[in-house]
């Protein structure tokens, strides 16, 4: 622990839904904003628990037949002068 009380910890990312019967269920890590309040896995969670993940980009997988390719998209920050 740092002197100021902040800590850095290794955590597991993702949600294992309560309805998952298998213990080795692959955790869900992505939710689309457009449908997050419609999906059974996230609907109740988004109403009761919220989290903000700060990011300046994201990865997107693209499947071409049997191969998968990954791309990184970096968000462009625009500074507006007032």
Foldseek 3Di string as FASTA:
>chain_A
DDPVPDDDDDDDAAADAPPDPDPPDDGDHDDDPVCQCPDPRRNVCVVPPDDDDDDQWDKDWDDDPPDIDIDIGGHDDDDDDD
